[in-house]
C-alpha cells in the first residue's frame, strides 16, 4: 500500500505540472477566436488577479503545501479565511484569463474540460483529508 501511494505521488508530482504546461502551450499556440478588445483586457485583468491569488495562497499555505492531500489541520489565515481553495480558484482564473487575453479557443476549452475538473477533484480530495 505504501509503495502504491509513493508511485501515485510520483506520477501526480510529475503529471500536474505537465498538465499546467500543456495548458500554457495551448493558450499560446491554440487557434485564435474573434473577441472584442474588452474581453481581451478583461481576460488580462483576470489572469493578473488569478496569479496574485495563486501566489498569495501559496505563501499563506507555508509548510501545509503539498502535491497530494494529507491529513492535517485546515489553513484559515489569509485568503483561506475568506475563500475556500483560493489557490485552485486563482489557477482557474489565471488560465481562463490568459485564454481570453490571447484569444485562444483551445486554451479555453482545455482549461474548462481538463484543468477545472482536475482542480475540482483535487479540492474534493483535500476536503476529505483536512480536519
Protein backbone atom coordinates (compact mmCIF):
# COMPACT_ATOMS: atom_id res chain seq x y z
CA UNK A 1 0.00 0.00 0.00
CA UNK A 2 2.85 2.40 0.81
CA UNK A 3 4.52 1.57 -2.50
CA UNK A 4 1.29 2.26 -4.40
CA UNK A 5 0.95 5.61 -2.65
CA UNK A 6 4.57 6.51 -3.46
CA UNK A 7 4.08 5.61 -7.12
CA UNK A 8 0.85 7.66 -7.29
CA UNK A 9 2.59 10.58 -5.57
CA UNK A 10 5.43 10.41 -8.09
CA UNK A 11 3.08 10.46 -11.09
CA UNK A 12 0.94 13.26 -9.65
CA UNK A 13 4.07 15.28 -8.84
CA UNK A 14 5.18 14.94 -12.46
CA UNK A 15 1.74 14.91 -14.12
CA UNK A 16 0.14 18.03 -12.64
CA UNK A 17 2.91 20.41 -13.79
CA UNK A 18 2.85 18.73 -17.21
CA UNK A 19 -0.91 19.40 -17.45
CA UNK A 20 -0.31 23.04 -16.49
CA UNK A 21 2.41 23.26 -19.14
CA UNK A 22 0.15 21.79 -21.81
CA UNK A 23 -2.47 24.38 -20.87
CA UNK A 24 0.03 27.21 -21.27
CA UNK A 25 1.19 25.82 -24.60
CA UNK A 26 -2.41 25.65 -25.85
CA UNK A 27 -3.08 29.19 -24.64
CA UNK A 28 -0.14 30.35 -26.75
CA UNK A 29 -0.47 28.14 -29.81
CA UNK A 30 -4.17 27.28 -29.91
CA UNK A 31 -6.46 28.58 -32.64
CA UNK A 32 -7.42 32.22 -32.25
CA UNK A 33 -11.04 33.24 -31.78
CA UNK A 34 -12.53 36.61 -32.54
CA UNK A 35 -13.10 38.55 -29.33
CA UNK A 36 -13.79 42.20 -28.64
CA UNK A 37 -10.88 44.08 -27.10
CA UNK A 38 -12.85 44.47 -23.86
CA UNK A 39 -12.86 40.66 -23.44
CA UNK A 40 -9.12 40.53 -24.02
CA UNK A 41 -8.49 43.30 -21.47
CA UNK A 42 -10.87 41.61 -19.02
CA UNK A 43 -9.01 38.33 -19.57
CA UNK A 44 -5.67 40.01 -18.88
CA UNK A 45 -7.02 41.59 -15.69
CA UNK A 46 -8.48 38.22 -14.65
CA UNK A 47 -5.15 36.49 -15.32
CA UNK A 48 -3.27 39.05 -13.21
CA UNK A 49 -5.79 38.69 -10.37
CA UNK A 50 -5.54 34.89 -10.66
CA UNK A 51 -1.73 34.95 -10.45
CA UNK A 52 -1.88 37.20 -7.38
CA UNK A 53 -4.41 34.84 -5.72
CA UNK A 54 -2.26 31.83 -6.66
CA UNK A 55 0.95 33.30 -5.20
CA UNK A 56 -0.64 34.77 -2.07
CA UNK A 57 -2.40 31.46 -1.40
CA UNK A 58 0.87 29.59 -1.75
CA UNK A 59 2.52 31.96 0.74
CA UNK A 60 -0.34 31.52 3.24
CA UNK A 61 -0.14 27.73 2.96
CA UNK A 62 3.50 27.70 4.02
CA UNK A 63 4.53 24.21 5.13
CA UNK A 64 0.98 22.94 4.58
CA UNK A 65 1.51 22.97 0.80
CA UNK A 66 1.67 19.51 -0.75
CA UNK A 67 1.05 17.77 -4.02
CA UNK A 68 -1.17 15.07 -2.58
CA UNK A 69 -3.71 15.73 0.16
CA UNK A 70 -2.74 14.53 3.61
CA UNK A 71 -4.40 14.59 6.98
CA UNK A 72 -3.58 17.92 8.57
CA UNK A 73 -5.16 20.99 10.06
CA UNK A 74 -7.10 23.28 7.67
CA UNK A 75 -5.37 26.61 6.96
CA UNK A 76 -7.61 29.55 7.90
CA UNK A 77 -5.25 32.51 7.57
CA UNK A 78 -5.04 34.99 4.71
CA UNK A 79 -7.23 34.26 1.70
CA UNK A 80 -8.11 30.87 3.19
CA UNK A 81 -10.09 32.68 5.89
CA UNK A 82 -12.39 34.15 3.23
CA UNK A 83 -12.37 31.79 0.24
CA UNK A 84 -12.39 28.01 0.06
CA UNK A 85 -9.47 26.74 -2.08
CA UNK A 86 -8.23 30.16 -3.24
CA UNK A 87 -5.14 28.66 -4.89
CA UNK A 88 -7.24 26.49 -7.19
CA UNK A 89 -9.59 29.37 -7.95
CA UNK A 90 -6.56 31.54 -8.73
CA UNK A 91 -5.23 28.89 -11.10
CA UNK A 92 -8.60 28.65 -12.84
CA UNK A 93 -8.84 32.43 -13.17
CA UNK A 94 -5.29 32.62 -14.49
CA UNK A 95 -5.80 30.04 -17.23
CA UNK A 96 -9.19 31.30 -18.31
CA UNK A 97 -7.95 34.90 -18.26
CA UNK A 98 -4.85 34.03 -20.30
CA UNK A 99 -7.04 32.18 -22.80
CA UNK A 100 -9.29 35.22 -23.24
CA UNK A 101 -6.40 37.68 -23.34
CA UNK A 102 -4.67 35.61 -26.04
CA UNK A 103 -7.96 34.78 -27.84
CA UNK A 104 -7.13 31.06 -27.54
CA UNK A 105 -10.10 28.82 -28.13
CA UNK A 106 -8.02 25.67 -27.49
CA UNK A 107 -6.72 27.14 -24.21
CA UNK A 108 -10.23 27.99 -23.04
CA UNK A 109 -11.57 24.51 -23.88
CA UNK A 110 -8.57 22.79 -22.28
CA UNK A 111 -8.99 24.88 -19.14
CA UNK A 112 -12.69 24.07 -18.84
CA UNK A 113 -12.52 20.38 -19.82
CA UNK A 114 -9.19 19.27 -18.28
CA UNK A 115 -7.80 21.72 -15.73
CA UNK A 116 -11.02 22.80 -13.99
CA UNK A 117 -12.26 19.22 -13.40
CA UNK A 118 -8.78 18.18 -12.21
CA UNK A 119 -8.70 21.06 -9.72
CA UNK A 120 -12.25 20.31 -8.59
CA UNK A 121 -11.29 16.67 -7.90
CA UNK A 122 -8.17 17.75 -6.02
CA UNK A 123 -10.25 20.16 -3.91
CA UNK A 124 -12.74 17.40 -3.07
CA UNK A 125 -9.92 15.03 -2.06
CA UNK A 126 -8.39 17.73 0.12
CA UNK A 127 -11.73 18.45 1.81
CA UNK A 128 -11.96 14.80 2.84
CA UNK A 129 -8.46 14.87 4.35
CA UNK A 130 -8.43 18.23 6.12
CA UNK A 131 -9.65 18.49 9.67
